[in-house]
Amino acid sequence: MRRLLEYGAVVVIALLLNFLLPRALPGGPMKLFGSPEALSRLTEAERAQIAQEYGFGRPLPEQFADYLTGVFTLDLGTSLSDGRPVTEAIGEALPWTLLLVGTSIVITCVLGVALGVLGALRRRRGGGAGLLGTAIVLDSLSAFWLGMLLIVVFGVQLNVLPTYGAGTLAHLVLPVTTLVVTGLGYFFLYTRSSMLTALTSEPVQHAHARGVPYGRLVRRHALRPALLPVHTIVLMEIGFLAGGSIVIETVFAYPGLGRLTFGAISARDYPLMQGAFLVLTLMVVAMNAIADATYPLLDPRARS
């Protein structure tokens, strides 16, 4: 119950910040309805009409109460760009982002964990050093730069893969490759470090002293405790990737939540911006909550 209350407090703070976002801009929320030149041509009556229509003219507590009511009834307002309900726009974009993030995280996790374990087991050999150096290079790559490079090579020069849009598996190849390559180094380094810690722990050293075969020592005594921190990182990365996909979805014109968020920011579409930020925040909070709830199931030491 204490942990549940903590996450509830986080959600309330996130809702408050999301509500205050357009209202904290210099000049107030009216800044979102056009350029300074266009706003200067509005009369006071027109300004009052806009403020009344979008509820800016009332006291902030009343506005926040209406905002909370809309959140809990899934009424996030109407997009200023195309007149659609915000929930409808988010509902169309969210499955594409979940598909992109889900595919990327599965591939990255499998490759990163497998290579991380291999790098730890071969840390004193040439192959282990090569894996470590490659992982450091991959971890330093920019997703934006790599995405543009893949577009030039595979979309323009070779012309073998689509570089924008969605709808087929071919459209997923380049954005998923970008996310996997830029995230692989992080998973490798984390898994390798965790595996090295497990291999040098006292239980593993005692098992080695008792003559436990090396293969069984790795599988039963080192691998399981080494993967416990990785479990938490994987779940947290799902939430962070959903927010970080803004760059990738914009580069590849992918119709997901990230591109929708970028379009809302560019168009100063504050209802859509608020809705997208809220969904991304709730995804991060939900993944953290799942990690907290499932960790004791994997590690009996955490139950006490």
Protein backbone atom coordinates (compact mmCIF):
# COMPACT_ATOMS: atom_id res chain seq x y z
CA MET A 1 0.00 0.00 0.00
CA ARG A 2 2.87 2.38 0.78
CA ARG A 3 4.43 1.77 -2.64
CA LEU A 4 1.05 2.20 -4.30
CA LEU A 5 0.58 5.55 -2.56
CA GLU A 6 4.05 6.62 -3.71
CA TYR A 7 3.19 5.91 -7.34
CA GLY A 8 -0.16 7.63 -6.89
CA ALA A 9 1.68 10.74 -5.68
CA VAL A 10 3.96 10.59 -8.73
CA VAL A 11 0.94 10.42 -11.05
CA VAL A 12 -0.72 13.39 -9.31
CA ILE A 13 2.47 15.47 -9.63
CA ALA A 14 2.75 14.49 -13.31
CA LEU A 15 -0.86 15.54 -13.90
CA LEU A 16 -0.24 18.86 -12.17
CA LEU A 17 2.89 19.59 -14.24
CA ASN A 18 1.11 18.56 -17.42
CA PHE A 19 -1.76 20.89 -16.57
CA LEU A 20 0.56 23.82 -15.81
CA LEU A 21 2.68 23.28 -18.95
CA PRO A 22 0.76 25.56 -21.35
CA ARG A 23 -0.19 27.97 -18.61
CA ALA A 24 3.41 28.57 -17.51
CA LEU A 25 4.54 29.94 -20.88
CA PRO A 26 5.52 33.61 -21.03
CA GLY A 27 2.41 35.45 -22.09
CA GLY A 28 0.09 32.67 -20.91
CA PRO A 29 -1.61 29.91 -22.91
CA MET A 30 -2.73 32.37 -25.59
CA LYS A 31 0.81 32.07 -26.99
CA LEU A 32 -0.17 28.63 -28.26
CA PHE A 33 -2.88 29.95 -30.54
CA GLY A 34 -0.69 31.69 -33.09
CA SER A 35 2.31 33.84 -33.75
CA PRO A 36 2.74 37.16 -31.92
CA GLU A 37 1.79 39.00 -35.12
CA ALA A 38 -1.45 37.05 -35.49
CA LEU A 39 -2.35 37.44 -31.82
CA SER A 40 -1.73 41.18 -31.96
CA ARG A 41 -4.48 41.52 -34.56
CA LEU A 42 -7.09 39.95 -32.25
CA THR A 43 -9.49 42.22 -30.45
CA GLU A 44 -10.12 41.97 -26.73
CA ALA A 45 -13.51 40.39 -27.44
CA GLU A 46 -11.90 37.71 -29.62
CA ARG A 47 -9.29 37.01 -26.96
CA ALA A 48 -12.02 36.70 -24.33
CA GLN A 49 -13.98 34.35 -26.58
CA ILE A 50 -10.95 32.04 -27.03
CA ALA A 51 -10.22 32.10 -23.30
CA GLN A 52 -13.84 31.24 -22.50
CA GLU A 53 -14.02 28.49 -25.12
CA TYR A 54 -10.90 26.73 -23.79
CA GLY A 55 -11.49 27.56 -20.14
CA PHE A 56 -8.48 29.82 -19.61
CA GLY A 57 -10.52 32.64 -18.11
CA ARG A 58 -11.61 30.76 -15.00
CA PRO A 59 -9.60 30.32 -11.76
CA LEU A 60 -6.84 27.71 -11.92
CA PRO A 61 -8.39 25.35 -9.31
CA GLU A 62 -11.57 25.11 -11.40
CA GLN A 63 -9.54 24.50 -14.56
CA PHE A 64 -7.51 21.77 -12.82
CA ALA A 65 -10.69 20.10 -11.54
CA ASP A 66 -12.09 20.04 -15.09
CA TYR A 67 -8.77 18.70 -16.37
CA LEU A 68 -8.79 15.84 -13.83
CA THR A 69 -12.40 15.04 -14.71
CA GLY A 70 -11.45 14.86 -18.38
CA VAL A 71 -8.46 12.59 -17.65
CA PHE A 72 -10.51 10.10 -15.63
CA THR A 73 -13.34 10.10 -18.20
CA LEU A 74 -10.85 9.82 -21.12
CA ASP A 75 -11.92 13.20 -22.45
CA LEU A 76 -8.63 15.00 -23.14
CA GLY A 77 -10.15 17.71 -25.30
CA THR A 78 -10.02 18.41 -29.01
CA SER A 79 -6.92 18.82 -31.13
CA LEU A 80 -6.41 22.35 -32.38
CA SER A 81 -4.69 21.06 -35.54
CA ASP A 82 -7.36 18.85 -37.11
CA GLY A 83 -10.37 19.07 -34.78
CA ARG A 84 -10.23 15.41 -33.77
CA PRO A 85 -10.64 14.24 -30.16
CA VAL A 86 -7.23 13.86 -28.56
CA THR A 87 -8.05 10.34 -27.34
CA GLU A 88 -8.82 9.29 -30.91
CA ALA A 89 -5.51 10.67 -32.23
CA ILE A 90 -3.54 8.99 -29.43
CA GLY A 91 -5.48 5.74 -29.86
CA GLU A 92 -4.44 5.57 -33.52
CA ALA A 93 -0.78 6.35 -32.86
CA LEU A 94 -0.14 4.34 -29.67
CA PRO A 95 -0.33 0.82 -31.21
CA TRP A 96 2.34 1.75 -33.77
CA THR A 97 4.66 2.95 -31.02
CA LEU A 98 4.04 -0.18 -28.95
CA LEU A 99 4.85 -2.31 -31.99
CA LEU A 100 8.08 -0.40 -32.65
CA VAL A 101 9.19 -0.32 -29.01
CA GLY A 102 8.14 -3.91 -28.31
CA THR A 103 10.01 -5.33 -31.30
CA SER A 104 13.10 -3.27 -30.53
CA ILE A 105 13.23 -4.13 -26.83
CA VAL A 106 12.86 -7.88 -27.45
CA ILE A 107 15.68 -7.98 -30.02
CA THR A 108 17.90 -5.66 -27.98
CA CYS A 109 17.35 -7.61 -24.78
CA VAL A 110 18.07 -11.02 -26.32
CA LEU A 111 21.21 -9.86 -28.13
CA GLY A 112 22.45 -7.59 -25.35
CA VAL A 113 22.03 -10.17 -22.59
CA ALA A 114 23.55 -13.01 -24.63
CA LEU A 115 26.55 -10.93 -25.72
CA GLY A 116 26.94 -9.45 -22.22
CA VAL A 117 27.15 -12.92 -20.65
CA LEU A 118 29.60 -13.99 -23.35
CA GLY A 119 31.71 -10.87 -22.81
CA ALA A 120 31.89 -11.54 -19.07
CA LEU A 121 32.87 -15.19 -19.54
CA ARG A 122 35.58 -14.25 -22.04
CA ARG A 123 36.79 -11.14 -20.31
CA ARG A 124 40.43 -12.33 -20.32
CA ARG A 125 40.43 -13.29 -24.00
CA GLY A 126 40.68 -11.29 -27.18
CA GLY A 127 37.02 -11.85 -28.09
CA GLY A 128 35.85 -10.34 -24.82
CA ALA A 129 37.91 -7.19 -25.33
CA GLY A 130 36.59 -6.85 -28.88
CA LEU A 131 32.98 -7.15 -27.69
CA LEU A 132 33.60 -4.55 -24.99
CA GLY A 133 35.14 -2.07 -27.44
CA THR A 134 32.30 -2.56 -29.93
CA ALA A 135 29.70 -2.06 -27.20
CA ILE A 136 31.30 1.20 -26.09
CA VAL A 137 31.25 2.48 -29.67
CA LEU A 138 27.59 1.49 -30.16
CA ASP A 139 26.61 3.07 -26.85
CA SER A 140 28.04 6.40 -28.03
CA LEU A 141 26.16 6.49 -31.34
CA SER A 142 23.47 9.09 -31.93
CA ALA A 143 20.10 7.62 -32.91
CA PHE A 144 19.38 10.59 -35.17
CA TRP A 145 22.72 10.27 -37.00
CA LEU A 146 22.42 6.49 -37.40
CA GLY A 147 18.85 6.77 -38.67
CA MET A 148 19.83 9.30 -41.31
CA LEU A 149 22.79 7.10 -42.32
CA LEU A 150 20.54 4.06 -42.76
CA ILE A 151 18.11 6.10 -44.86
CA VAL A 152 20.92 7.24 -47.17
CA VAL A 153 22.44 3.77 -47.54
CA PHE A 154 19.42 1.45 -47.69
CA GLY A 155 16.75 3.84 -48.88
CA VAL A 156 18.54 6.13 -51.33
CA GLN A 157 21.65 4.36 -52.60
CA LEU A 158 20.56 0.70 -52.48
CA ASN A 159 16.80 1.42 -52.60
CA VAL A 160 15.92 -1.87 -50.92
CA LEU A 161 13.91 -0.68 -47.90
CA PRO A 162 11.18 1.93 -47.35
CA THR A 163 12.37 4.96 -45.43
CA TYR A 164 9.06 6.38 -44.16
CA GLY A 165 5.58 5.35 -43.10
CA ALA A 166 4.29 2.05 -41.69
CA GLY A 167 2.07 -0.85 -42.65
CA THR A 168 4.43 -3.70 -43.55
CA LEU A 169 7.31 -5.49 -41.87
CA ALA A 170 9.71 -3.78 -44.28
CA HIS A 171 8.76 -0.41 -42.80
CA LEU A 172 9.91 -1.61 -39.36
CA VAL A 173 13.38 -2.73 -40.42
CA LEU A 174 15.20 0.62 -40.42
CA PRO A 175 13.64 2.20 -37.28
CA VAL A 176 13.96 -1.05 -35.33
CA THR A 177 17.58 -1.45 -36.48
CA THR A 178 18.32 2.08 -35.31
CA LEU A 179 16.84 1.49 -31.85
CA VAL A 180 18.51 -1.91 -31.51
CA VAL A 181 21.98 -0.75 -32.53
CA THR A 182 21.92 2.35 -30.30
CA GLY A 183 20.51 0.40 -27.33
CA LEU A 184 22.59 -2.77 -27.67
CA GLY A 185 25.71 -1.33 -26.09
CA TYR A 186 23.83 -0.24 -22.96
CA PHE A 187 22.33 -3.70 -22.39
CA PHE A 188 25.65 -5.39 -23.11
CA LEU A 189 27.60 -3.23 -20.66
CA TYR A 190 25.00 -3.59 -17.92
CA THR A 191 24.71 -7.37 -18.33
CA ARG A 192 28.49 -7.81 -18.49
CA SER A 193 29.01 -5.79 -15.30
CA SER A 194 26.25 -7.66 -13.48
CA MET A 195 27.62 -11.03 -14.64
CA LEU A 196 31.14 -10.16 -13.50
CA THR A 197 29.80 -9.20 -10.08
CA ALA A 198 27.95 -12.52 -9.83
CA LEU A 199 31.00 -14.55 -10.91
CA THR A 200 33.14 -12.98 -8.18
CA SER A 201 30.51 -13.29 -5.44
CA GLU A 202 31.07 -15.55 -2.43
CA PRO A 203 28.35 -18.13 -3.28
CA VAL A 204 29.83 -18.70 -6.73
CA GLN A 205 33.36 -18.89 -5.32
CA HIS A 206 32.22 -21.46 -2.74
CA ALA A 207 30.50 -23.52 -5.44
CA HIS A 208 33.68 -23.41 -7.51
CA ALA A 209 35.69 -24.56 -4.50
CA ARG A 210 33.31 -27.51 -4.02
CA GLY A 211 34.12 -28.66 -7.55
CA VAL A 212 30.86 -27.72 -9.28
CA PRO A 213 31.35 -28.06 -13.07
CA TYR A 214 31.91 -24.72 -14.79
CA GLY A 215 28.87 -24.93 -17.06
CA ARG A 216 26.55 -25.69 -14.17
CA LEU A 217 28.28 -23.01 -12.08
CA VAL A 218 27.47 -20.39 -14.70
CA ARG A 219 23.91 -21.49 -15.40
CA ARG A 220 22.63 -22.14 -11.89
CA HIS A 221 24.80 -20.03 -9.60
CA ALA A 222 25.83 -16.95 -11.60
CA LEU A 223 23.35 -16.34 -14.41
CA ARG A 224 20.17 -16.02 -12.35
CA PRO A 225 21.41 -13.40 -9.85
CA ALA A 226 23.16 -11.57 -12.70
CA LEU A 227 19.90 -11.19 -14.62
CA LEU A 228 17.95 -9.71 -11.69
CA PRO A 229 19.11 -6.11 -12.29
CA VAL A 230 18.69 -6.62 -16.04
CA HIS A 231 14.99 -7.42 -15.47
CA THR A 232 14.50 -3.98 -13.91
CA ILE A 233 16.45 -2.23 -16.67
CA VAL A 234 14.39 -3.93 -19.39
CA LEU A 235 11.06 -2.79 -17.95
CA MET A 236 12.28 0.75 -17.35
CA GLU A 237 13.72 0.90 -20.86
CA ILE A 238 10.29 0.14 -22.35
CA GLY A 239 8.90 3.33 -20.83
CA PHE A 240 11.93 5.43 -21.75
CA LEU A 241 11.98 4.08 -25.33
CA ALA A 242 8.38 5.17 -25.79
CA GLY A 243 9.44 8.75 -25.04
CA GLY A 244 12.76 8.46 -26.82
CA SER A 245 11.10 7.24 -30.00
CA ILE A 246 10.16 10.85 -30.79
CA VAL A 247 13.45 11.25 -32.66
CA ILE A 248 13.23 7.93 -34.51
CA GLU A 249 9.59 8.31 -35.48
CA THR A 250 10.23 11.82 -36.75
CA VAL A 251 13.27 10.76 -38.80
CA PHE A 252 11.39 7.86 -40.44
CA ALA A 253 7.97 9.63 -40.57
CA TYR A 254 6.60 6.73 -38.54
CA PRO A 255 2.97 7.30 -37.46
CA GLY A 256 3.49 6.65 -33.76
CA LEU A 257 3.04 8.55 -30.54
CA GLY A 258 6.49 10.14 -30.77
CA ARG A 259 5.82 11.74 -34.14
CA LEU A 260 2.38 12.80 -32.93
CA THR A 261 4.02 14.52 -29.95
CA PHE A 262 6.55 16.29 -32.16
CA GLY A 263 3.78 17.47 -34.47
CA ALA A 264 1.76 18.76 -31.52
CA ILE A 265 4.75 20.72 -30.23
CA SER A 266 5.47 22.18 -33.66
CA ALA A 267 1.83 23.17 -34.19
CA ARG A 268 1.42 24.52 -30.63
CA ASP A 269 -1.47 22.11 -30.26
CA TYR A 270 -1.58 22.18 -26.46
CA PRO A 271 -4.52 19.71 -25.92
CA LEU A 272 -2.77 17.10 -28.05
CA MET A 273 0.57 17.95 -26.45
CA GLN A 274 -0.87 17.48 -22.97
CA GLY A 275 -2.48 14.17 -23.92
CA ALA A 276 0.69 12.76 -25.49
CA PHE A 277 2.87 13.84 -22.55
CA LEU A 278 0.38 12.28 -20.15
CA VAL A 279 0.42 8.91 -21.93
CA LEU A 280 4.23 8.86 -22.13
CA THR A 281 4.51 9.72 -18.43
CA LEU A 282 2.01 7.04 -17.42
CA MET A 283 3.93 4.46 -19.47
CA VAL A 284 7.16 5.25 -17.61
CA VAL A 285 5.39 5.13 -14.23
CA ALA A 286 3.61 1.87 -15.12
CA MET A 287 6.84 0.14 -16.19
CA ASN A 288 8.54 1.21 -12.95
CA ALA A 289 5.58 -0.09 -10.95
CA ILE A 290 5.67 -3.44 -12.76
CA ALA A 291 9.42 -3.70 -12.13
CA ASP A 292 8.88 -3.01 -8.42
CA ALA A 293 6.04 -5.53 -8.18
CA THR A 294 7.76 -8.38 -10.04
CA TYR A 295 11.27 -8.08 -8.62
CA PRO A 296 10.39 -9.83 -5.31
CA LEU A 297 8.93 -12.71 -7.33
CA LEU A 298 12.35 -13.29 -8.91
CA ASP A 299 14.54 -12.51 -5.89
CA PRO A 300 13.39 -14.06 -2.57
CA ARG A 301 15.79 -11.77 -0.68
CA ALA A 302 13.67 -8.74 -1.62
CA ARG A 303 10.55 -10.18 0.02
CA SER A 304 11.90 -9.61 3.50
